[in-house]
Amino acid sequence: MSSSALQALFPERGTGKHGASRTNGVPVGPMQSDAAFVARLTRMRPKQRIEASRNGTFTRHERAVWACRYPHEVPTINGEFEWLVLGSADLD
């Protein structure tokens, strides 16, 4: 999936906005933003979700939501989620 296609699915990426955001001046809480993320996640194919996780499109929270909804497709290393292993200081 190209970066422009990922940008179309996740237009807020790279804007510096994390956590709750606003829509038309109305605060959007975590539950509402999770629902929007899950809707986008559902539209993606498994390979697209893996690529988005690996290239940093997903936040840590979004990776956790993805892992809860699609645990069978999340890459693992020695039984641990790939992004957790690669983010740890000790890879031995």
PDB file of N, CA and C in Angstrom:
ATOM      1  N   MET A   1       0.844  -1.167   0.000  1.00  0.00           N
ATOM      2  CA  MET A   1       0.000   0.000   0.000  1.00  0.00           C
ATOM      3  C   MET A   1       0.889   1.229   0.000  1.00  0.00           C
ATOM      4  N   SER A   2       0.574   2.156  -0.823  1.00  0.00           N
ATOM      5  CA  SER A   2       1.392   3.362  -0.927  1.00  0.00           C
ATOM      6  C   SER A   2       1.140   4.284   0.260  1.00  0.00           C
ATOM      7  N   SER A   3       2.094   5.175   0.491  1.00  0.00           N
ATOM      8  CA  SER A   3       1.929   6.109   1.603  1.00  0.00           C
ATOM      9  C   SER A   3       0.753   7.049   1.361  1.00  0.00           C
ATOM     10  N   SER A   4       0.465   7.366   0.103  1.00  0.00           N
ATOM     11  CA  SER A   4      -0.679   8.236  -0.171  1.00  0.00           C
ATOM     12  C   SER A   4      -1.996   7.520   0.131  1.00  0.00           C
ATOM     13  N   ALA A   5      -2.042   6.205  -0.106  1.00  0.00           N
ATOM     14  CA  ALA A   5      -3.248   5.438   0.221  1.00  0.00           C
ATOM     15  C   ALA A   5      -3.437   5.361   1.728  1.00  0.00           C
ATOM     16  N   LEU A   6      -2.326   5.177   2.469  1.00  0.00           N
ATOM     17  CA  LEU A   6      -2.417   5.172   3.932  1.00  0.00           C
ATOM     18  C   LEU A   6      -2.819   6.546   4.443  1.00  0.00           C
ATOM     19  N   GLN A   7      -2.300   7.603   3.821  1.00  0.00           N
ATOM     20  CA  GLN A   7      -2.654   8.963   4.225  1.00  0.00           C
ATOM     21  C   GLN A   7      -4.147   9.205   4.014  1.00  0.00           C
ATOM     22  N   ALA A   8      -4.712   8.611   2.972  1.00  0.00           N
ATOM     23  CA  ALA A   8      -6.142   8.773   2.729  1.00  0.00           C
ATOM     24  C   ALA A   8      -6.965   8.104   3.834  1.00  0.00           C
ATOM     25  N   LEU A   9      -6.482   6.963   4.345  1.00  0.00           N
ATOM     26  CA  LEU A   9      -7.185   6.283   5.428  1.00  0.00           C
ATOM     27  C   LEU A   9      -6.957   6.962   6.772  1.00  0.00           C
ATOM     28  N   PHE A  10      -5.778   7.558   6.963  1.00  0.00           N
ATOM     29  CA  PHE A  10      -5.406   8.174   8.235  1.00  0.00           C
ATOM     30  C   PHE A  10      -4.938   9.615   8.007  1.00  0.00           C
ATOM     31  N   PRO A  11      -5.842  10.525   7.642  1.00  0.00           N
ATOM     32  CA  PRO A  11      -5.430  11.887   7.285  1.00  0.00           C
ATOM     33  C   PRO A  11      -4.836  12.676   8.446  1.00  0.00           C
ATOM     34  N   GLU A  12      -5.132  12.294   9.693  1.00  0.00           N
ATOM     35  CA  GLU A  12      -4.618  13.059  10.822  1.00  0.00           C
ATOM     36  C   GLU A  12      -3.176  12.703  11.172  1.00  0.00           C
ATOM     37  N   ARG A  13      -2.612  11.668  10.576  1.00  0.00           N
ATOM     38  CA  ARG A  13      -1.240  11.271  10.869  1.00  0.00           C
ATOM     39  C   ARG A  13      -0.279  12.362  10.426  1.00  0.00           C
ATOM     40  N   GLY A  14       0.718  12.602  11.251  1.00  0.00           N
ATOM     41  CA  GLY A  14       1.709  13.605  10.925  1.00  0.00           C
ATOM     42  C   GLY A  14       1.293  15.024  11.269  1.00  0.00           C
ATOM     43  N   THR A  15       0.123  15.170  11.906  1.00  0.00           N
ATOM     44  CA  THR A  15      -0.340  16.506  12.264  1.00  0.00           C
ATOM     45  C   THR A  15       0.054  16.878  13.685  1.00  0.00           C
ATOM     46  N   GLY A  16       0.608  15.915  14.433  1.00  0.00           N
ATOM     47  CA  GLY A  16       0.981  16.173  15.820  1.00  0.00           C
ATOM     48  C   GLY A  16      -0.173  16.035  16.786  1.00  0.00           C
ATOM     49  N   LYS A  17      -1.342  15.606  16.306  1.00  0.00           N
ATOM     50  CA  LYS A  17      -2.501  15.426  17.174  1.00  0.00           C
ATOM     51  C   LYS A  17      -2.533  13.982  17.658  1.00  0.00           C
ATOM     52  N   HIS A  18      -2.550  13.810  18.958  1.00  0.00           N
ATOM     53  CA  HIS A  18      -2.609  12.473  19.550  1.00  0.00           C
ATOM     54  C   HIS A  18      -3.712  12.468  20.591  1.00  0.00           C
ATOM     55  N   GLY A  19      -4.281  11.281  20.824  1.00  0.00           N
ATOM     56  CA  GLY A  19      -5.329  11.162  21.828  1.00  0.00           C
ATOM     57  C   GLY A  19      -6.628  11.758  21.336  1.00  0.00           C
ATOM     58  N   ALA A  20      -7.374  12.358  22.258  1.00  0.00           N
ATOM     59  CA  ALA A  20      -8.665  12.937  21.903  1.00  0.00           C
ATOM     60  C   ALA A  20      -8.451  14.127  20.973  1.00  0.00           C
ATOM     61  N   SER A  21      -9.352  14.283  20.042  1.00  0.00           N
ATOM     62  CA  SER A  21      -9.263  15.402  19.109  1.00  0.00           C
ATOM     63  C   SER A  21     -10.617  16.097  19.050  1.00  0.00           C
ATOM     64  N   ARG A  22     -10.756  17.039  18.139  1.00  0.00           N
ATOM     65  CA  ARG A  22     -12.003  17.785  18.004  1.00  0.00           C
ATOM     66  C   ARG A  22     -12.545  17.634  16.593  1.00  0.00           C
ATOM     67  N   THR A  23     -13.847  17.563  16.510  1.00  0.00           N
ATOM     68  CA  THR A  23     -14.534  17.549  15.234  1.00  0.00           C
ATOM     69  C   THR A  23     -15.537  18.688  15.257  1.00  0.00           C
ATOM     70  N   ASN A  24     -15.375  19.656  14.380  1.00  0.00           N
ATOM     71  CA  ASN A  24     -16.245  20.839  14.343  1.00  0.00           C
ATOM     72  C   ASN A  24     -16.333  21.512  15.708  1.00  0.00           C
ATOM     73  N   GLY A  25     -15.219  21.559  16.435  1.00  0.00           N
ATOM     74  CA  GLY A  25     -15.188  22.217  17.728  1.00  0.00           C
ATOM     75  C   GLY A  25     -15.705  21.373  18.876  1.00  0.00           C
ATOM     76  N   VAL A  26     -16.229  20.177  18.597  1.00  0.00           N
ATOM     77  CA  VAL A  26     -16.762  19.304  19.639  1.00  0.00           C
ATOM     78  C   VAL A  26     -15.700  18.274  19.989  1.00  0.00           C
ATOM     79  N   PRO A  27     -15.347  18.136  21.286  1.00  0.00           N
ATOM     80  CA  PRO A  27     -14.340  17.139  21.650  1.00  0.00           C
ATOM     81  C   PRO A  27     -14.778  15.741  21.257  1.00  0.00           C
ATOM     82  N   VAL A  28     -13.825  14.964  20.760  1.00  0.00           N
ATOM     83  CA  VAL A  28     -14.061  13.566  20.422  1.00  0.00           C
ATOM     84  C   VAL A  28     -13.284  12.748  21.435  1.00  0.00           C
ATOM     85  N   GLY A  29     -13.986  11.999  22.244  1.00  0.00           N
ATOM     86  CA  GLY A  29     -13.347  11.190  23.276  1.00  0.00           C
ATOM     87  C   GLY A  29     -12.761   9.909  22.724  1.00  0.00           C
ATOM     88  N   PRO A  30     -12.049   9.168  23.569  1.00  0.00           N
ATOM     89  CA  PRO A  30     -11.397   7.937  23.128  1.00  0.00           C
ATOM     90  C   PRO A  30     -12.355   6.923  22.515  1.00  0.00           C
ATOM     91  N   MET A  31     -13.538   6.772  23.079  1.00  0.00           N
ATOM     92  CA  MET A  31     -14.471   5.774  22.540  1.00  0.00           C
ATOM     93  C   MET A  31     -14.908   6.140  21.128  1.00  0.00           C
ATOM     94  N   GLN A  32     -15.160   7.425  20.875  1.00  0.00           N
ATOM     95  CA  GLN A  32     -15.577   7.843  19.543  1.00  0.00           C
ATOM     96  C   GLN A  32     -14.430   7.704  18.552  1.00  0.00           C
ATOM     97  N   SER A  33     -13.225   8.078  18.970  1.00  0.00           N
ATOM     98  CA  SER A  33     -12.100   7.970  18.046  1.00  0.00           C
ATOM     99  C   SER A  33     -11.737   6.508  17.814  1.00  0.00           C
ATOM    100  N   ASP A  34     -11.906   5.635  18.836  1.00  0.00           N
ATOM    101  CA  ASP A  34     -11.685   4.204  18.630  1.00  0.00           C
ATOM    102  C   ASP A  34     -12.667   3.647  17.614  1.00  0.00           C
ATOM    103  N   ALA A  35     -13.914   4.072  17.689  1.00  0.00           N
ATOM    104  CA  ALA A  35     -14.915   3.594  16.733  1.00  0.00           C
ATOM    105  C   ALA A  35     -14.545   4.006  15.319  1.00  0.00           C
ATOM    106  N   ALA A  36     -14.057   5.217  15.148  1.00  0.00           N
ATOM    107  CA  ALA A  36     -13.636   5.679  13.825  1.00  0.00           C
ATOM    108  C   ALA A  36     -12.430   4.874  13.346  1.00  0.00           C
ATOM    109  N   PHE A  37     -11.485   4.611  14.256  1.00  0.00           N
ATOM    110  CA  PHE A  37     -10.318   3.822  13.885  1.00  0.00           C
ATOM    111  C   PHE A  37     -10.721   2.403  13.501  1.00  0.00           C
ATOM    112  N   VAL A  38     -11.613   1.787  14.274  1.00  0.00           N
ATOM    113  CA  VAL A  38     -12.056   0.421  13.971  1.00  0.00           C
ATOM    114  C   VAL A  38     -12.750   0.384  12.614  1.00  0.00           C
ATOM    115  N   ALA A  39     -13.504   1.404  12.292  1.00  0.00           N
ATOM    116  CA  ALA A  39     -14.163   1.448  10.978  1.00  0.00           C
ATOM    117  C   ALA A  39     -13.116   1.469   9.865  1.00  0.00           C
ATOM    118  N   ARG A  40     -12.062   2.277  10.043  1.00  0.00           N
ATOM    119  CA  ARG A  40     -10.988   2.313   9.034  1.00  0.00           C
ATOM    120  C   ARG A  40     -10.230   0.998   9.012  1.00  0.00           C
ATOM    121  N   LEU A  41      -9.992   0.428  10.187  1.00  0.00           N
ATOM    122  CA  LEU A  41      -9.282  -0.842  10.292  1.00  0.00           C
ATOM    123  C   LEU A  41     -10.031  -1.942   9.543  1.00  0.00           C
ATOM    124  N   THR A  42     -11.340  -1.929   9.663  1.00  0.00           N
ATOM    125  CA  THR A  42     -12.177  -2.930   9.004  1.00  0.00           C
ATOM    126  C   THR A  42     -12.093  -2.822   7.484  1.00  0.00           C
ATOM    127  N   ARG A  43     -11.919  -1.606   6.975  1.00  0.00           N
ATOM    128  CA  ARG A  43     -11.829  -1.416   5.521  1.00  0.00           C
ATOM    129  C   ARG A  43     -10.491  -1.874   4.940  1.00  0.00           C
ATOM    130  N   MET A  44      -9.497  -2.040   5.810  1.00  0.00           N
ATOM    131  CA  MET A  44      -8.161  -2.428   5.341  1.00  0.00           C
ATOM    132  C   MET A  44      -8.063  -3.940   5.186  1.00  0.00           C
ATOM    133  N   ARG A  45      -7.192  -4.368   4.304  1.00  0.00           N
ATOM    134  CA  ARG A  45      -6.872  -5.788   4.150  1.00  0.00           C
ATOM    135  C   ARG A  45      -5.796  -6.149   5.166  1.00  0.00           C
ATOM    136  N   PRO A  46      -5.648  -7.454   5.494  1.00  0.00           N
ATOM    137  CA  PRO A  46      -4.631  -7.850   6.471  1.00  0.00           C
ATOM    138  C   PRO A  46      -3.229  -7.334   6.150  1.00  0.00           C
ATOM    139  N   LYS A  47      -2.811  -7.424   4.900  1.00  0.00           N
ATOM    140  CA  LYS A  47      -1.478  -6.937   4.531  1.00  0.00           C
ATOM    141  C   LYS A  47      -1.350  -5.430   4.752  1.00  0.00           C
ATOM    142  N   GLN A  48      -2.416  -4.703   4.522  1.00  0.00           N
ATOM    143  CA  GLN A  48      -2.400  -3.259   4.740  1.00  0.00           C
ATOM    144  C   GLN A  48      -2.268  -2.933   6.226  1.00  0.00           C
ATOM    145  N   ARG A  49      -2.950  -3.715   7.075  1.00  0.00           N
ATOM    146  CA  ARG A  49      -2.850  -3.487   8.519  1.00  0.00           C
ATOM    147  C   ARG A  49      -1.436  -3.772   9.017  1.00  0.00           C
ATOM    148  N   ILE A  50      -0.828  -4.846   8.526  1.00  0.00           N
ATOM    149  CA  ILE A  50       0.542  -5.185   8.924  1.00  0.00           C
ATOM    150  C   ILE A  50       1.499  -4.081   8.472  1.00  0.00           C
ATOM    151  N   GLU A  51       1.359  -3.638   7.243  1.00  0.00           N
ATOM    152  CA  GLU A  51       2.231  -2.577   6.725  1.00  0.00           C
ATOM    153  C   GLU A  51       2.054  -1.283   7.518  1.00  0.00           C
ATOM    154  N   ALA A  52       0.814  -0.937   7.831  1.00  0.00           N
ATOM    155  CA  ALA A  52       0.560   0.281   8.596  1.00  0.00           C
ATOM    156  C   ALA A  52       1.193   0.192   9.982  1.00  0.00           C
ATOM    157  N   SER A  53       1.177  -0.983  10.579  1.00  0.00           N
ATOM    158  CA  SER A  53       1.812  -1.161  11.884  1.00  0.00           C
ATOM    159  C   SER A  53       3.323  -1.032  11.776  1.00  0.00           C
ATOM    160  N   ARG A  54       3.877  -1.630  10.747  1.00  0.00           N
ATOM    161  CA  ARG A  54       5.335  -1.629  10.593  1.00  0.00           C
ATOM    162  C   ARG A  54       5.896  -0.277  10.184  1.00  0.00           C
ATOM    163  N   ASN A  55       5.145   0.515   9.442  1.00  0.00           N
ATOM    164  CA  ASN A  55       5.705   1.794   8.979  1.00  0.00           C
ATOM    165  C   ASN A  55       5.362   2.966   9.898  1.00  0.00           C
ATOM    166  N   GLY A  56       4.744   2.680  11.044  1.00  0.00           N
ATOM    167  CA  GLY A  56       4.485   3.723  12.025  1.00  0.00           C
ATOM    168  C   GLY A  56       3.191   4.485  11.839  1.00  0.00           C
ATOM    169  N   THR A  57       2.310   4.015  10.974  1.00  0.00           N
ATOM    170  CA  THR A  57       1.027   4.675  10.766  1.00  0.00           C
ATOM    171  C   THR A  57       0.133   4.515  11.989  1.00  0.00           C
ATOM    172  N   PHE A  58       0.196   3.358  12.641  1.00  0.00           N
ATOM    173  CA  PHE A  58      -0.598   3.113  13.846  1.00  0.00           C
ATOM    174  C   PHE A  58       0.133   3.624  15.083  1.00  0.00           C
ATOM    175  N   THR A  59      -0.620   4.167  16.024  1.00  0.00           N
ATOM    176  CA  THR A  59      -0.073   4.489  17.332  1.00  0.00           C
ATOM    177  C   THR A  59       0.000   3.196  18.144  1.00  0.00           C
ATOM    178  N   ARG A  60       0.629   3.242  19.301  1.00  0.00           N
ATOM    179  CA  ARG A  60       0.666   2.044  20.162  1.00  0.00           C
ATOM    180  C   ARG A  60      -0.742   1.597  20.530  1.00  0.00           C
ATOM    181  N   HIS A  61      -1.585   2.555  20.854  1.00  0.00           N
ATOM    182  CA  HIS A  61      -2.962   2.221  21.214  1.00  0.00           C
ATOM    183  C   HIS A  61      -3.681   1.556  20.038  1.00  0.00           C
ATOM    184  N   GLU A  62      -3.497   2.091  18.854  1.00  0.00           N
ATOM    185  CA  GLU A  62      -4.147   1.516  17.674  1.00  0.00           C
ATOM    186  C   GLU A  62      -3.623   0.121  17.382  1.00  0.00           C
ATOM    187  N   ARG A  63      -2.344  -0.109  17.610  1.00  0.00           N
ATOM    188  CA  ARG A  63      -1.805  -1.469  17.451  1.00  0.00           C
ATOM    189  C   ARG A  63      -2.476  -2.422  18.435  1.00  0.00           C
ATOM    190  N   ALA A  64      -2.708  -1.967  19.661  1.00  0.00           N
ATOM    191  CA  ALA A  64      -3.377  -2.809  20.653  1.00  0.00           C
ATOM    192  C   ALA A  64      -4.818  -3.108  20.236  1.00  0.00           C
ATOM    193  N   VAL A  65      -5.509  -2.105  19.694  1.00  0.00           N
ATOM    194  CA  VAL A  65      -6.874  -2.323  19.203  1.00  0.00           C
ATOM    195  C   VAL A  65      -6.862  -3.329  18.065  1.00  0.00           C
ATOM    196  N   TRP A  66      -5.920  -3.184  17.153  1.00  0.00           N
ATOM    197  CA  TRP A  66      -5.769  -4.119  16.028  1.00  0.00           C
ATOM    198  C   TRP A  66      -5.511  -5.528  16.558  1.00  0.00           C
ATOM    199  N   ALA A  67      -4.615  -5.666  17.531  1.00  0.00           N
ATOM    200  CA  ALA A  67      -4.279  -6.977  18.088  1.00  0.00           C
ATOM    201  C   ALA A  67      -5.487  -7.622  18.769  1.00  0.00           C
ATOM    202  N   CYS A  68      -6.340  -6.820  19.383  1.00  0.00           N
ATOM    203  CA  CYS A  68      -7.544  -7.355  20.022  1.00  0.00           C
ATOM    204  C   CYS A  68      -8.564  -7.832  18.999  1.00  0.00           C
ATOM    205  N   ARG A  69      -8.683  -7.104  17.909  1.00  0.00           N
ATOM    206  CA  ARG A  69      -9.688  -7.446  16.899  1.00  0.00           C
ATOM    207  C   ARG A  69      -9.219  -8.510  15.911  1.00  0.00           C
ATOM    208  N   TYR A  70      -7.919  -8.542  15.616  1.00  0.00           N
ATOM    209  CA  TYR A  70      -7.375  -9.478  14.625  1.00  0.00           C
ATOM    210  C   TYR A  70      -6.109 -10.156  15.164  1.00  0.00           C
ATOM    211  N   PRO A  71      -6.194 -10.875  16.279  1.00  0.00           N
ATOM    212  CA  PRO A  71      -4.976 -11.432  16.900  1.00  0.00           C
ATOM    213  C   PRO A  71      -4.231 -12.422  16.013  1.00  0.00           C
ATOM    214  N   HIS A  72      -4.939 -13.087  15.133  1.00  0.00           N
ATOM    215  CA  HIS A  72      -4.322 -14.088  14.260  1.00  0.00           C
ATOM    216  C   HIS A  72      -3.412 -13.486  13.188  1.00  0.00           C
ATOM    217  N   GLU A  73      -3.539 -12.200  12.906  1.00  0.00           N
ATOM    218  CA  GLU A  73      -2.739 -11.625  11.828  1.00  0.00           C
ATOM    219  C   GLU A  73      -1.599 -10.727  12.327  1.00  0.00           C
ATOM    220  N   VAL A  74      -1.497 -10.510  13.623  1.00  0.00           N
ATOM    221  CA  VAL A  74      -0.434  -9.660  14.164  1.00  0.00           C
ATOM    222  C   VAL A  74       0.874 -10.453  14.185  1.00  0.00           C
ATOM    223  N   PRO A  75       1.927  -9.952  13.518  1.00  0.00           N
ATOM    224  CA  PRO A  75       3.206 -10.666  13.518  1.00  0.00           C
ATOM    225  C   PRO A  75       3.777 -10.780  14.941  1.00  0.00           C
ATOM    226  N   THR A  76       4.344 -11.946  15.222  1.00  0.00           N
ATOM    227  CA  THR A  76       4.961 -12.168  16.532  1.00  0.00           C
ATOM    228  C   THR A  76       6.400 -12.638  16.359  1.00  0.00           C
ATOM    229  N   ILE A  77       7.183 -12.418  17.407  1.00  0.00           N
ATOM    230  CA  ILE A  77       8.552 -12.922  17.488  1.00  0.00           C
ATOM    231  C   ILE A  77       8.648 -13.629  18.828  1.00  0.00           C
ATOM    232  N   ASN A  78       8.914 -14.920  18.801  1.00  0.00           N
ATOM    233  CA  ASN A  78       8.984 -15.726  20.022  1.00  0.00           C
ATOM    234  C   ASN A  78       7.745 -15.553  20.894  1.00  0.00           C
ATOM    235  N   GLY A  79       6.582 -15.481  20.267  1.00  0.00           N
ATOM    236  CA  GLY A  79       5.324 -15.398  20.992  1.00  0.00           C
ATOM    237  C   GLY A  79       4.934 -14.017  21.479  1.00  0.00           C
ATOM    238  N   GLU A  80       5.741 -13.001  21.213  1.00  0.00           N
ATOM    239  CA  GLU A  80       5.436 -11.624  21.615  1.00  0.00           C
ATOM    240  C   GLU A  80       5.111 -10.798  20.374  1.00  0.00           C
ATOM    241  N   PHE A  81       4.285  -9.794  20.551  1.00  0.00           N
ATOM    242  CA  PHE A  81       3.966  -8.935  19.422  1.00  0.00           C
ATOM    243  C   PHE A  81       5.242  -8.313  18.871  1.00  0.00           C
ATOM    244  N   GLU A  82       5.350  -8.331  17.553  1.00  0.00           N
ATOM    245  CA  GLU A  82       6.541  -7.850  16.862  1.00  0.00           C
ATOM    246  C   GLU A  82       6.929  -6.431  17.287  1.00  0.00           C
ATOM    247  N   TRP A  83       5.956  -5.514  17.350  1.00  0.00           N
ATOM    248  CA  TRP A  83       6.291  -4.133  17.666  1.00  0.00           C
ATOM    249  C   TRP A  83       6.815  -3.968  19.091  1.00  0.00           C
ATOM    250  N   LEU A  84       6.385  -4.850  20.003  1.00  0.00           N
ATOM    251  CA  LEU A  84       6.910  -4.785  21.363  1.00  0.00           C
ATOM    252  C   LEU A  84       8.347  -5.274  21.417  1.00  0.00           C
ATOM    253  N   VAL A  85       8.633  -6.366  20.695  1.00  0.00           N
ATOM    254  CA  VAL A  85       9.990  -6.925  20.687  1.00  0.00           C
ATOM    255  C   VAL A  85      10.956  -5.951  20.035  1.00  0.00           C
ATOM    256  N   LEU A  86      10.574  -5.406  18.889  1.00  0.00           N
ATOM    257  CA  LEU A  86      11.463  -4.506  18.171  1.00  0.00           C
ATOM    258  C   LEU A  86      11.664  -3.189  18.917  1.00  0.00           C
ATOM    259  N   GLY A  87      10.722  -2.833  19.777  1.00  0.00           N
ATOM    260  CA  GLY A  87      10.848  -1.610  20.545  1.00  0.00           C
ATOM    261  C   GLY A  87      11.583  -1.778  21.854  1.00  0.00           C
ATOM    262  N   SER A  88      11.947  -3.023  22.194  1.00  0.00           N
ATOM    263  CA  SER A  88      12.644  -3.242  23.460  1.00  0.00           C
ATOM    264  C   SER A  88      14.151  -3.001  23.296  1.00  0.00           C
ATOM    265  N   ALA A  89      14.799  -2.685  24.377  1.00  0.00           N
ATOM    266  CA  ALA A  89      16.239  -2.370  24.338  1.00  0.00           C
ATOM    267  C   ALA A  89      17.085  -3.616  24.139  1.00  0.00           C
ATOM    268  N   ASP A  90      16.637  -4.746  24.658  1.00  0.00           N
ATOM    269  CA  ASP A  90      17.421  -5.979  24.612  1.00  0.00           C
ATOM    270  C   ASP A  90      16.768  -6.964  23.653  1.00  0.00           C
ATOM    271  N   LEU A  91      17.355  -7.187  22.511  1.00  0.00           N
ATOM    272  CA  LEU A  91      16.792  -8.101  21.518  1.00  0.00           C
ATOM    273  C   LEU A  91      17.347  -9.522  21.621  1.00  0.00           C
ATOM    274  N   ASP A  92      18.218  -9.786  22.589  1.00  0.00           N
ATOM    275  CA  ASP A  92      18.791 -11.130  22.734  1.00  0.00           C
ATOM    276  C   ASP A  92      17.852 -12.098  23.358  1.00  0.00           C
TER     277      ASP A  92
END
